[in-house]
Amino acid sequence: MTQAADISKVQGEGDYDAARRYDKAAHEFAESGKVEEAARDARPKTPEEAEELSRAERAGKAHSKGEDPAPGSTDTPPLP
């Protein structure tokens, strides 16, 4: 296999074909008009499920280094 062929089959974070497919699918979904319906369908079905999701979110945030700054912002999150 040539070096050029190796580069075209990069996987993991460098899988450019997969990134393009994902971007295309995400754009098509956003343009489809089905986003609101999907958001409604994804809401917790019971108070117990809502609490479980809240606990999972709190647990995840406990391991985080903070919120990302707003897109385009020059602010950086505070250091721990």
C-alpha atoms as a PDB file:
ATOM      1  CA  MET A   1       0.000   0.000   0.000  1.00  0.00           C
ATOM      2  CA  THR A   2       1.336   3.446  -0.829  1.00  0.00           C
ATOM      3  CA  GLN A   3       1.694   6.267   1.650  1.00  0.00           C
ATOM      4  CA  ALA A   4      -1.088   8.218  -0.145  1.00  0.00           C
ATOM      5  CA  ALA A   5      -3.426   5.234   0.254  1.00  0.00           C
ATOM      6  CA  ASP A   6      -2.551   5.042   3.966  1.00  0.00           C
ATOM      7  CA  ILE A   7      -3.437   8.726   4.447  1.00  0.00           C
ATOM      8  CA  SER A   8      -6.829   8.338   2.745  1.00  0.00           C
ATOM      9  CA  LYS A   9      -7.784   5.601   5.228  1.00  0.00           C
ATOM     10  CA  VAL A  10      -6.905   7.501   8.416  1.00  0.00           C
ATOM     11  CA  GLN A  11      -9.220   6.480  11.252  1.00  0.00           C
ATOM     12  CA  GLY A  12     -10.000   7.785  14.709  1.00  0.00           C
ATOM     13  CA  GLU A  13      -9.840  11.529  15.129  1.00  0.00           C
ATOM     14  CA  GLY A  14      -8.460  11.790  11.630  1.00  0.00           C
ATOM     15  CA  ASP A  15     -11.326   9.994   9.871  1.00  0.00           C
ATOM     16  CA  TYR A  16     -12.182  12.828   7.507  1.00  0.00           C
ATOM     17  CA  ASP A  17     -14.719  10.816   5.500  1.00  0.00           C
ATOM     18  CA  ALA A  18     -16.698  10.006   8.644  1.00  0.00           C
ATOM     19  CA  ALA A  19     -16.563  13.653   9.722  1.00  0.00           C
ATOM     20  CA  ARG A  20     -17.935  14.764   6.359  1.00  0.00           C
ATOM     21  CA  ARG A  21     -20.727  12.157   6.492  1.00  0.00           C
ATOM     22  CA  TYR A  22     -21.653  13.244  10.020  1.00  0.00           C
ATOM     23  CA  ASP A  23     -21.636  16.935   9.110  1.00  0.00           C
ATOM     24  CA  LYS A  24     -23.825  16.265   6.073  1.00  0.00           C
ATOM     25  CA  ALA A  25     -26.292  14.138   8.065  1.00  0.00           C
ATOM     26  CA  ALA A  26     -26.460  16.699  10.897  1.00  0.00           C
ATOM     27  CA  HIS A  27     -27.088  19.523   8.428  1.00  0.00           C
ATOM     28  CA  GLU A  28     -29.792  17.534   6.618  1.00  0.00           C
ATOM     29  CA  PHE A  29     -31.472  16.713   9.950  1.00  0.00           C
ATOM     30  CA  ALA A  30     -31.388  20.357  11.027  1.00  0.00           C
ATOM     31  CA  GLU A  31     -32.942  21.395   7.721  1.00  0.00           C
ATOM     32  CA  SER A  32     -35.548  18.583   7.798  1.00  0.00           C
ATOM     33  CA  GLY A  33     -37.893  20.332  10.212  1.00  0.00           C
ATOM     34  CA  LYS A  34     -37.821  17.323  12.559  1.00  0.00           C
ATOM     35  CA  VAL A  35     -35.673  18.885  15.299  1.00  0.00           C
ATOM     36  CA  GLU A  36     -38.583  20.050  17.492  1.00  0.00           C
ATOM     37  CA  GLU A  37     -40.282  16.654  17.226  1.00  0.00           C
ATOM     38  CA  ALA A  38     -37.044  14.862  18.158  1.00  0.00           C
ATOM     39  CA  ALA A  39     -36.552  17.208  21.111  1.00  0.00           C
ATOM     40  CA  ARG A  40     -40.084  16.486  22.341  1.00  0.00           C
ATOM     41  CA  ASP A  41     -39.511  12.742  21.936  1.00  0.00           C
ATOM     42  CA  ALA A  42     -36.247  12.958  23.901  1.00  0.00           C
ATOM     43  CA  ARG A  43     -37.823  14.605  26.966  1.00  0.00           C
ATOM     44  CA  PRO A  44     -37.950  12.479  30.120  1.00  0.00           C
ATOM     45  CA  LYS A  45     -41.105  10.384  30.231  1.00  0.00           C
ATOM     46  CA  THR A  46     -41.410  10.280  34.030  1.00  0.00           C
ATOM     47  CA  PRO A  47     -40.273  12.391  36.987  1.00  0.00           C
ATOM     48  CA  GLU A  48     -37.982   9.513  37.959  1.00  0.00           C
ATOM     49  CA  GLU A  49     -36.317   9.584  34.551  1.00  0.00           C
ATOM     50  CA  ALA A  50     -35.922  13.366  34.815  1.00  0.00           C
ATOM     51  CA  GLU A  51     -34.230  12.982  38.211  1.00  0.00           C
ATOM     52  CA  GLU A  52     -31.955  10.232  36.872  1.00  0.00           C
ATOM     53  CA  LEU A  53     -30.878  12.498  34.009  1.00  0.00           C
ATOM     54  CA  SER A  54     -30.262  15.368  36.428  1.00  0.00           C
ATOM     55  CA  ARG A  55     -28.095  13.137  38.635  1.00  0.00           C
ATOM     56  CA  ALA A  56     -26.103  11.992  35.602  1.00  0.00           C
ATOM     57  CA  GLU A  57     -25.609  15.596  34.486  1.00  0.00           C
ATOM     58  CA  ARG A  58     -24.413  16.647  37.942  1.00  0.00           C
ATOM     59  CA  ALA A  59     -22.013  13.687  38.072  1.00  0.00           C
ATOM     60  CA  GLY A  60     -20.606  14.591  34.660  1.00  0.00           C
ATOM     61  CA  LYS A  61     -20.200  18.239  35.576  1.00  0.00           C
ATOM     62  CA  ALA A  62     -18.403  17.253  38.778  1.00  0.00           C
ATOM     63  CA  HIS A  63     -15.611  15.837  36.587  1.00  0.00           C
ATOM     64  CA  SER A  64     -15.544  18.801  34.207  1.00  0.00           C
ATOM     65  CA  LYS A  65     -13.060  21.648  34.088  1.00  0.00           C
ATOM     66  CA  GLY A  66     -15.903  24.121  33.577  1.00  0.00           C
ATOM     67  CA  GLU A  67     -18.139  25.340  30.815  1.00  0.00           C
ATOM     68  CA  ASP A  68     -16.695  26.165  27.412  1.00  0.00           C
ATOM     69  CA  PRO A  69     -16.744  29.857  26.581  1.00  0.00           C
ATOM     70  CA  ALA A  70     -19.396  30.953  24.102  1.00  0.00           C
ATOM     71  CA  PRO A  71     -18.475  30.313  20.451  1.00  0.00           C
ATOM     72  CA  GLY A  72     -16.411  33.178  19.128  1.00  0.00           C
ATOM     73  CA  SER A  73     -15.679  34.434  22.625  1.00  0.00           C
ATOM     74  CA  THR A  74     -12.149  35.325  23.636  1.00  0.00           C
ATOM     75  CA  ASP A  75     -12.912  34.449  27.256  1.00  0.00           C
ATOM     76  CA  THR A  76     -11.267  31.389  28.684  1.00  0.00           C
ATOM     77  CA  PRO A  77     -12.607  29.274  31.534  1.00  0.00           C
ATOM     78  CA  PRO A  78     -10.966  29.858  34.921  1.00  0.00           C
ATOM     79  CA  LEU A  79      -8.159  27.545  35.907  1.00  0.00           C
ATOM     80  CA  PRO A  80      -8.912  25.084  38.690  1.00  0.00           C
END
